[in-house]
N, C-alpha and C. Protein backbone atom coordinates (compact mmCIF):
# COMPACT_ATOMS: atom_id res chain seq x y z
N UNK A 1 0.61 -1.25 0.00
CA UNK A 1 -0.17 -0.14 0.12
C UNK A 1 0.93 1.26 0.02
N UNK A 2 0.43 2.22 -1.04
CA UNK A 2 1.52 3.33 -0.87
C UNK A 2 1.25 4.40 0.27
N UNK A 3 2.49 4.80 0.86
CA UNK A 3 2.24 5.64 1.87
C UNK A 3 1.83 7.01 1.47
N UNK A 4 1.84 7.44 0.23
CA UNK A 4 1.65 8.89 -0.04
C UNK A 4 2.61 9.75 -0.23
N UNK A 5 3.75 9.48 0.50
CA UNK A 5 5.10 10.16 0.23
C UNK A 5 6.13 9.58 -0.68
N UNK A 6 6.19 10.19 -1.72
CA UNK A 6 7.06 9.29 -2.93
C UNK A 6 8.47 10.08 -2.75
N UNK A 7 9.71 9.55 -3.17
CA UNK A 7 11.01 10.25 -3.09
C UNK A 7 11.33 10.20 -4.60
N UNK A 8 11.82 10.86 -5.26
CA UNK A 8 12.21 11.03 -6.56
C UNK A 8 13.61 11.19 -6.54
N UNK A 9 14.52 10.33 -7.34
CA UNK A 9 16.07 10.59 -7.05
C UNK A 9 16.54 9.74 -8.62
N UNK A 10 17.99 10.09 -8.73
CA UNK A 10 18.48 9.40 -9.94
C UNK A 10 18.55 7.85 -9.76
N UNK A 11 18.18 7.04 -10.81
CA UNK A 11 18.19 5.60 -10.51
C UNK A 11 19.72 5.02 -10.15
N UNK A 12 19.80 3.94 -9.69
CA UNK A 12 21.15 3.40 -9.16
C UNK A 12 21.00 1.83 -9.97
N UNK A 13 21.98 1.05 -10.41
CA UNK A 13 21.95 -0.13 -11.04
C UNK A 13 21.08 -1.32 -10.12
N UNK A 14 20.93 -0.91 -8.67
CA UNK A 14 20.03 -1.97 -7.88
C UNK A 14 18.77 -1.66 -8.07
N UNK A 15 18.21 -0.22 -8.86
CA UNK A 15 16.73 -0.16 -9.34
C UNK A 15 16.58 -1.03 -10.53
N UNK A 16 17.20 -1.62 -11.27
CA UNK A 16 17.07 -1.96 -12.63
C UNK A 16 15.82 -2.97 -12.63
N UNK A 17 16.16 -3.99 -11.41
CA UNK A 17 14.99 -4.96 -11.23
C UNK A 17 13.56 -4.50 -11.33
N UNK A 18 13.51 -3.66 -10.48
CA UNK A 18 12.01 -2.95 -10.04
C UNK A 18 11.52 -2.28 -11.09
N UNK A 19 12.46 -1.52 -11.83
CA UNK A 19 11.96 -0.85 -13.18
C UNK A 19 11.67 -1.88 -14.30
N UNK A 20 12.18 -3.01 -14.49
CA UNK A 20 11.75 -3.96 -15.41
C UNK A 20 10.53 -4.48 -14.86
N UNK A 21 10.37 -4.42 -13.55
CA UNK A 21 9.04 -5.17 -13.18
C UNK A 21 7.99 -4.33 -13.33
N UNK A 22 8.20 -3.07 -13.26
CA UNK A 22 6.94 -2.02 -13.43
C UNK A 22 6.64 -2.19 -14.90
N UNK A 23 7.76 -1.86 -15.73
CA UNK A 23 7.59 -2.01 -17.35
C UNK A 23 6.80 -3.15 -17.49
N UNK A 24 7.43 -4.27 -16.97
CA UNK A 24 6.52 -5.50 -17.68
C UNK A 24 4.92 -5.85 -16.99
N UNK A 25 4.72 -5.25 -15.90
CA UNK A 25 3.23 -5.19 -15.37
C UNK A 25 2.40 -4.29 -15.82
N UNK A 26 2.80 -3.08 -16.43
CA UNK A 26 1.71 -2.40 -17.05
C UNK A 26 1.84 -2.66 -18.78
N UNK A 27 2.68 -3.66 -19.24
CA UNK A 27 3.04 -3.73 -20.71
C UNK A 27 3.37 -2.47 -21.40
N UNK A 28 4.46 -2.00 -20.82
CA UNK A 28 5.05 -0.90 -21.23
C UNK A 28 6.00 -1.39 -22.26
N UNK A 29 7.25 -0.78 -22.28
CA UNK A 29 8.47 -1.20 -23.37
C UNK A 29 9.03 -2.77 -22.67
N UNK A 30 8.74 -3.96 -23.47
CA UNK A 30 9.32 -4.86 -22.76
C UNK A 30 10.78 -5.41 -23.32
N UNK A 31 11.85 -4.35 -23.08
CA UNK A 31 13.01 -4.53 -23.15
C UNK A 31 13.40 -5.74 -22.39
N UNK A 32 14.76 -6.25 -22.64
CA UNK A 32 15.46 -7.29 -21.61
C UNK A 32 15.61 -6.60 -20.20
N UNK A 33 15.84 -7.63 -19.06
CA UNK A 33 15.84 -6.76 -18.02
C UNK A 33 17.71 -6.10 -17.84
N UNK A 34 18.23 -6.69 -18.84
CA UNK A 34 19.54 -5.54 -19.17
C UNK A 34 19.47 -4.28 -19.33
N UNK A 35 18.63 -4.09 -20.41
CA UNK A 35 18.36 -2.65 -20.98
C UNK A 35 18.02 -1.72 -19.60
N UNK A 36 17.29 -2.35 -18.69
CA UNK A 36 16.91 -1.48 -17.36
C UNK A 36 17.92 -1.05 -16.84
N UNK A 37 19.07 -2.31 -16.52
CA UNK A 37 20.17 -1.76 -16.18
C UNK A 37 21.28 -1.01 -16.73
N UNK A 38 21.12 -0.70 -18.06
CA UNK A 38 21.59 0.28 -18.94
C UNK A 38 21.21 1.61 -18.64
N UNK A 39 19.65 1.80 -18.36
CA UNK A 39 19.25 2.75 -18.28
C UNK A 39 19.94 3.57 -16.86
N UNK A 40 19.76 2.63 -15.89
CA UNK A 40 20.44 2.80 -14.54
C UNK A 40 21.53 3.28 -14.33
N UNK A 41 22.41 2.60 -15.17
CA UNK A 41 23.89 3.11 -14.94
C UNK A 41 24.24 3.89 -16.13
N UNK A 42 23.77 4.28 -17.49
CA UNK A 42 24.26 4.95 -18.57
C UNK A 42 23.46 6.14 -18.58
N UNK A 43 22.22 6.06 -18.21
CA UNK A 43 21.39 7.42 -18.40
C UNK A 43 20.99 8.02 -17.01
N UNK A 44 21.92 8.01 -16.09
CA UNK A 44 21.55 8.47 -14.66
C UNK A 44 21.19 9.75 -14.57
N UNK A 45 21.94 10.57 -15.55
CA UNK A 45 21.53 11.99 -15.52
C UNK A 45 20.46 12.52 -16.01
N UNK A 46 19.77 11.48 -16.89
CA UNK A 46 18.65 11.89 -17.73
C UNK A 46 17.31 11.16 -17.20
N UNK A 47 17.34 10.42 -16.32
CA UNK A 47 16.52 9.43 -15.72
C UNK A 47 16.00 9.70 -14.23
N UNK A 48 14.90 9.25 -13.81
CA UNK A 48 14.47 9.41 -12.64
C UNK A 48 13.67 8.23 -11.91
N UNK A 49 13.96 7.95 -10.66
CA UNK A 49 12.68 6.66 -10.30
C UNK A 49 12.06 7.20 -9.08
N UNK A 50 10.79 7.05 -9.12
CA UNK A 50 10.17 7.14 -7.72
C UNK A 50 10.08 6.23 -6.99
N UNK A 51 9.96 6.47 -5.67
CA UNK A 51 10.20 5.34 -4.53
C UNK A 51 9.13 5.50 -3.54
N UNK A 52 8.41 4.61 -3.25
CA UNK A 52 7.39 4.66 -1.98
C UNK A 52 8.23 3.90 -1.03
N UNK A 53 9.07 4.38 -0.28
CA UNK A 53 9.78 3.61 1.02
C UNK A 53 11.04 2.96 -0.26
N UNK A 54 11.25 2.00 -0.08
CA UNK A 54 12.12 1.41 -0.89
C UNK A 54 11.79 0.77 -2.18
N UNK A 55 10.62 0.82 -2.48
CA UNK A 55 9.88 -0.04 -3.49
C UNK A 55 9.82 1.02 -4.95
N UNK A 56 10.40 0.72 -5.93
CA UNK A 56 10.40 1.27 -7.11
C UNK A 56 8.78 1.60 -7.52
N UNK A 57 8.28 2.60 -7.67
CA UNK A 57 6.69 2.64 -8.01
C UNK A 57 6.51 3.25 -9.46
N UNK A 58 7.52 4.07 -9.89
CA UNK A 58 7.36 4.77 -10.93
C UNK A 58 8.91 5.30 -11.50
N UNK A 59 8.86 5.43 -12.83
CA UNK A 59 10.44 5.95 -13.43
C UNK A 59 10.05 6.66 -14.72
N UNK A 60 11.27 7.50 -15.19
CA UNK A 60 11.30 8.15 -16.44
C UNK A 60 12.63 7.82 -16.84
N UNK A 61 13.07 7.76 -18.23
CA UNK A 61 14.09 7.65 -18.81
C UNK A 61 14.27 8.41 -19.60
N UNK A 62 15.38 9.03 -20.01
CA UNK A 62 15.64 9.74 -21.16
C UNK A 62 16.88 9.41 -21.86
N UNK A 63 17.25 9.81 -23.10
CA UNK A 63 18.62 9.67 -23.96
C UNK A 63 18.61 11.06 -24.33
N UNK A 64 19.86 11.91 -24.04
CA UNK A 64 20.08 13.06 -24.66
C UNK A 64 21.33 12.74 -25.49
């Protein structure tokens, strides 16, 4: 259950599995789990992850 207070921060490689899970659950872009690791590692300056506690609940990725 969501607490209502989200934290938004740059992603880390530890977030990759959670981002892949979110994308898979909502039928978003079904890239490989490795691609989400790349987002969290190589596009950290243009991406963000929203957390409810320690659990990723949303994200945005960008390529510049």
